[in-house]
Amino acid sequence: MKPGARDRGLSLIELVAAMAIFALVAVMGAQALGGMIRLRQGIAARSAEAAALDRTASLLRADLAAVVPMLFYPPGRAAPQSALSFRNGVLALSAGGQPGLDNSAASTPGLQRIEWQLAGGQLSRRFWTALTPATAAARQPQMPVLDGVTGLHLRSYWEGTGWRDGVQPLALPPPPGSTDSDQAGAAPEVYSSTLPLAVEVTLDTRAFGRITLVETLK
């Protein structure tokens, strides 16, 4: 410092400019931080959706792999239902050794009637604790499995006829007095324990598009 020179502080204009620069840096930092938080939340949400889809696909595959060729007899002396059926947005199947979705006593593996239902964009699963339940109390509450599902489709593969929409029955007449039907073409559902060679289940999802699962039954 030269002799006699006096200390000189910041002028008002320099102070305002410095504060403006600091404010701009702070705003840019806040925006960057907010973007990182939103990105992290998006990744976490996507990861949770992927995990739910993987769990749903695994459970659905396990149910299809556990299908047994046994009729289901609803309570109240209603007409028996075939081992595998798909109608009105409900996939129903007779299965053995499949657990429920919780750890309650009702989740004990055994012969069950499992029902997958799509309603209001949500895919849910429920089951009967036996294939010949005495009362409707054997039907467990619906358990939500996957949200954001817009469509549920099924095709079945039969020897000699190939792939068919729905559960393609064999050319056998239904028992007298049967009124239930599963339309696959023009043929009604047959109440029998006969299973197709394979099934193809397709889920239309908002997050991942169309997901197709193919499982052999024999």
Protein backbone atom coordinates (compact mmCIF):
# COMPACT_ATOMS: atom_id res chain seq x y z
CA MET A 1 0.00 0.00 0.00
CA LYS A 2 1.34 3.34 -0.93
CA PRO A 3 2.09 5.74 1.92
CA GLY A 4 -0.85 7.91 2.60
CA ALA A 5 -3.34 5.68 0.71
CA ARG A 6 -6.57 5.10 2.50
CA ASP A 7 -8.50 1.79 2.79
CA ARG A 8 -11.29 1.66 0.27
CA GLY A 9 -14.43 -0.54 0.82
CA LEU A 10 -16.97 -1.82 -1.70
CA SER A 11 -19.16 0.65 -3.42
CA LEU A 12 -22.92 0.22 -3.36
CA ILE A 13 -22.94 -0.96 -6.97
CA GLU A 14 -20.26 -3.59 -6.28
CA LEU A 15 -22.13 -4.81 -3.21
CA VAL A 16 -25.39 -5.17 -5.16
CA ALA A 17 -23.59 -7.01 -7.95
CA ALA A 18 -21.97 -9.41 -5.47
CA MET A 19 -25.29 -10.11 -3.77
CA ALA A 20 -26.92 -10.72 -7.17
CA ILE A 21 -24.20 -13.22 -8.06
CA PHE A 22 -24.60 -15.01 -4.73
CA ALA A 23 -28.38 -15.12 -5.19
CA LEU A 24 -28.01 -16.53 -8.71
CA VAL A 25 -25.62 -19.23 -7.49
CA ALA A 26 -28.03 -20.08 -4.64
CA VAL A 27 -30.99 -20.36 -7.05
CA MET A 28 -29.02 -22.57 -9.44
CA GLY A 29 -27.92 -24.77 -6.55
CA ALA A 30 -31.49 -25.10 -5.26
CA GLN A 31 -32.74 -26.00 -8.73
CA ALA A 32 -30.00 -28.60 -9.15
CA LEU A 33 -30.76 -30.07 -5.73
CA GLY A 34 -34.49 -30.15 -6.48
CA GLY A 35 -33.82 -31.88 -9.79
CA MET A 36 -31.66 -34.50 -8.08
CA ILE A 37 -34.37 -35.11 -5.46
CA ARG A 38 -37.04 -35.52 -8.14
CA LEU A 39 -34.78 -37.84 -10.13
CA ARG A 40 -34.13 -39.95 -7.05
CA GLN A 41 -37.83 -40.13 -6.26
CA GLY A 42 -38.58 -41.12 -9.86
CA ILE A 43 -35.96 -43.86 -9.77
CA ALA A 44 -37.31 -45.13 -6.44
CA ALA A 45 -40.88 -45.18 -7.77
CA ARG A 46 -39.76 -46.96 -10.94
CA SER A 47 -37.83 -49.48 -8.88
CA ALA A 48 -40.88 -50.15 -6.69
CA GLU A 49 -43.06 -50.63 -9.78
CA ALA A 50 -40.52 -53.02 -11.29
CA ALA A 51 -40.33 -54.99 -8.04
CA ALA A 52 -44.14 -55.24 -7.88
CA LEU A 53 -44.28 -56.42 -11.49
CA ASP A 54 -41.56 -59.00 -10.87
CA ARG A 55 -43.40 -60.28 -7.78
CA THR A 56 -46.67 -60.47 -9.71
CA ALA A 57 -45.09 -62.33 -12.63
CA SER A 58 -43.36 -64.78 -10.30
CA LEU A 59 -46.55 -65.47 -8.34
CA LEU A 60 -48.63 -65.86 -11.49
CA ARG A 61 -46.09 -68.25 -13.00
CA ALA A 62 -46.00 -70.25 -9.77
CA ASP A 63 -49.82 -70.50 -9.75
CA LEU A 64 -49.91 -71.68 -13.37
CA ALA A 65 -47.12 -74.20 -12.72
CA ALA A 66 -49.13 -75.59 -9.79
CA VAL A 67 -52.36 -76.19 -11.76
CA VAL A 68 -53.89 -79.60 -11.11
CA PRO A 69 -56.52 -81.29 -13.33
CA MET A 70 -59.25 -81.23 -10.70
CA LEU A 71 -62.71 -79.71 -10.78
CA PHE A 72 -63.79 -77.00 -8.35
CA TYR A 73 -67.11 -77.50 -6.56
CA PRO A 74 -68.51 -74.21 -5.22
CA PRO A 75 -70.62 -74.33 -2.05
CA GLY A 76 -74.38 -74.40 -2.30
CA ARG A 77 -74.45 -77.25 -4.83
CA ALA A 78 -73.55 -74.92 -7.67
CA ALA A 79 -72.35 -76.42 -10.93
CA PRO A 80 -68.72 -77.59 -10.86
CA GLN A 81 -66.09 -75.50 -12.62
CA SER A 82 -63.26 -76.71 -14.79
CA ALA A 83 -59.69 -76.83 -13.55
CA LEU A 84 -58.84 -73.72 -15.58
CA SER A 85 -61.24 -70.97 -16.66
CA PHE A 86 -61.11 -67.37 -17.83
CA ARG A 87 -64.25 -65.26 -18.03
CA ASN A 88 -65.45 -61.80 -17.07
CA GLY A 89 -61.89 -60.68 -16.35
CA VAL A 90 -61.29 -63.48 -13.82
CA LEU A 91 -58.65 -66.17 -14.26
CA ALA A 92 -59.54 -69.12 -12.02
CA LEU A 93 -57.50 -72.28 -11.59
CA SER A 94 -57.25 -75.32 -9.36
CA ALA A 95 -53.79 -75.53 -7.82
CA GLY A 96 -51.88 -77.53 -5.27
CA GLY A 97 -49.23 -76.40 -2.81
CA GLN A 98 -49.55 -72.67 -3.34
CA PRO A 99 -49.33 -70.32 -0.32
CA GLY A 100 -51.38 -67.21 0.23
CA LEU A 101 -50.01 -63.67 0.35
CA ASP A 102 -49.63 -63.44 4.12
CA ASN A 103 -48.50 -65.58 7.02
CA SER A 104 -51.92 -66.42 8.43
CA ALA A 105 -53.21 -69.93 8.99
CA ALA A 106 -55.30 -69.57 5.83
CA SER A 107 -52.05 -69.48 3.85
CA THR A 108 -51.24 -73.12 4.56
CA PRO A 109 -50.42 -74.81 1.23
CA GLY A 110 -52.89 -77.41 -0.07
CA LEU A 111 -55.42 -77.89 -2.83
CA GLN A 112 -56.89 -74.49 -3.57
CA ARG A 113 -58.97 -72.58 -6.06
CA ILE A 114 -57.05 -69.44 -7.00
CA GLU A 115 -58.70 -66.45 -8.65
CA TRP A 116 -56.89 -63.57 -10.36
CA GLN A 117 -59.17 -60.59 -11.04
CA LEU A 118 -58.69 -57.27 -12.81
CA ALA A 119 -60.95 -54.45 -11.67
CA GLY A 120 -60.45 -50.68 -11.67
CA GLY A 121 -56.87 -50.89 -12.94
CA GLN A 122 -55.83 -53.16 -10.08
CA LEU A 123 -54.91 -56.83 -10.36
CA SER A 124 -55.81 -58.81 -7.24
CA ARG A 125 -55.55 -62.41 -6.09
CA ARG A 126 -57.76 -64.45 -3.82
CA PHE A 127 -58.23 -68.15 -3.16
CA TRP A 128 -60.52 -70.77 -1.72
CA THR A 129 -58.87 -72.95 0.90
CA ALA A 130 -60.26 -76.13 -0.68
CA LEU A 131 -61.60 -77.40 -4.00
CA THR A 132 -64.76 -78.60 -2.28
CA PRO A 133 -65.50 -75.83 0.25
CA ALA A 134 -68.42 -76.39 2.57
CA THR A 135 -69.30 -72.69 2.88
CA ALA A 136 -68.46 -69.36 1.27
CA ALA A 137 -66.31 -68.59 4.33
CA ALA A 138 -63.56 -70.65 2.72
CA ARG A 139 -63.08 -67.87 0.18
CA GLN A 140 -60.34 -65.55 1.38
CA PRO A 141 -60.43 -61.73 0.89
CA GLN A 142 -58.93 -60.22 -2.22
CA MET A 143 -55.31 -59.16 -1.89
CA PRO A 144 -54.07 -56.36 -4.21
CA VAL A 145 -51.06 -57.48 -6.22
CA LEU A 146 -50.37 -54.92 -8.94
CA ASP A 147 -51.70 -51.44 -9.79
CA GLY A 148 -51.76 -49.78 -13.18
CA VAL A 149 -53.03 -52.82 -15.10
CA THR A 150 -55.32 -51.93 -18.00
CA GLY A 151 -55.88 -55.35 -19.54
CA LEU A 152 -55.77 -59.06 -18.75
CA HIS A 153 -55.84 -61.57 -21.61
CA LEU A 154 -55.42 -65.33 -21.87
CA ARG A 155 -54.84 -67.78 -24.67
CA SER A 156 -54.58 -71.55 -24.39
CA TYR A 157 -52.77 -74.06 -26.58
CA TRP A 158 -54.51 -77.34 -27.37
CA GLU A 159 -53.19 -80.33 -29.22
CA GLY A 160 -54.63 -80.43 -32.71
CA THR A 161 -56.12 -76.90 -32.58
CA GLY A 162 -53.19 -74.71 -31.53
CA TRP A 163 -53.61 -71.37 -29.80
CA ARG A 164 -57.11 -70.16 -28.95
CA ASP A 165 -58.41 -67.08 -27.17
CA GLY A 166 -59.62 -67.92 -23.69
CA VAL A 167 -59.73 -71.50 -22.49
CA GLN A 168 -60.56 -73.56 -25.54
CA PRO A 169 -62.67 -76.56 -24.46
CA LEU A 170 -62.67 -79.98 -26.03
CA ALA A 171 -65.56 -81.11 -28.16
CA LEU A 172 -67.49 -82.66 -25.29
CA PRO A 173 -71.01 -81.70 -24.19
CA PRO A 174 -71.39 -80.04 -20.77
CA PRO A 175 -73.29 -81.95 -18.09
CA PRO A 176 -77.08 -81.55 -18.07
CA GLY A 177 -78.29 -78.40 -16.38
CA SER A 178 -75.01 -76.49 -16.72
CA THR A 179 -75.46 -72.82 -17.54
CA ASP A 180 -71.97 -71.40 -16.99
CA SER A 181 -69.90 -70.72 -20.06
CA ASP A 182 -66.46 -69.53 -21.05
CA GLN A 183 -66.70 -68.21 -24.56
CA ALA A 184 -63.68 -69.20 -26.65
CA GLY A 185 -64.96 -68.82 -30.17
CA ALA A 186 -68.43 -70.33 -30.29
CA ALA A 187 -67.75 -73.26 -27.96
CA PRO A 188 -69.02 -73.23 -24.34
CA GLU A 189 -66.85 -74.18 -21.39
CA VAL A 190 -66.72 -77.86 -20.59
CA TYR A 191 -66.75 -78.97 -16.98
CA SER A 192 -63.84 -81.33 -17.06
CA SER A 193 -60.41 -81.73 -15.55
CA THR A 194 -58.71 -81.61 -18.95
CA LEU A 195 -56.00 -78.97 -19.25
CA PRO A 196 -54.44 -77.33 -22.31
CA LEU A 197 -50.81 -77.99 -23.14
CA ALA A 198 -49.86 -74.38 -22.38
CA VAL A 199 -51.33 -70.99 -21.54
CA GLU A 200 -50.31 -67.47 -22.44
CA VAL A 201 -51.26 -64.69 -20.03
CA THR A 202 -50.84 -61.07 -21.15
CA LEU A 203 -50.93 -58.03 -18.85
CA ASP A 204 -51.33 -54.54 -20.28
CA THR A 205 -49.65 -52.11 -17.87
CA ARG A 206 -49.35 -48.33 -17.89
CA ALA A 207 -45.76 -48.32 -16.68
CA PHE A 208 -44.23 -51.17 -18.70
CA GLY A 209 -46.56 -51.73 -21.64
CA ARG A 210 -47.57 -55.27 -22.57
CA ILE A 211 -46.11 -58.15 -20.53
CA THR A 212 -46.63 -61.72 -21.81
CA LEU A 213 -46.08 -64.88 -19.77
CA VAL A 214 -46.14 -68.36 -21.30
CA GLU A 215 -46.35 -71.43 -19.09
CA THR A 216 -46.58 -75.09 -20.06
CA LEU A 217 -49.09 -77.15 -18.09
CA LYS A 218 -48.06 -80.62 -19.23
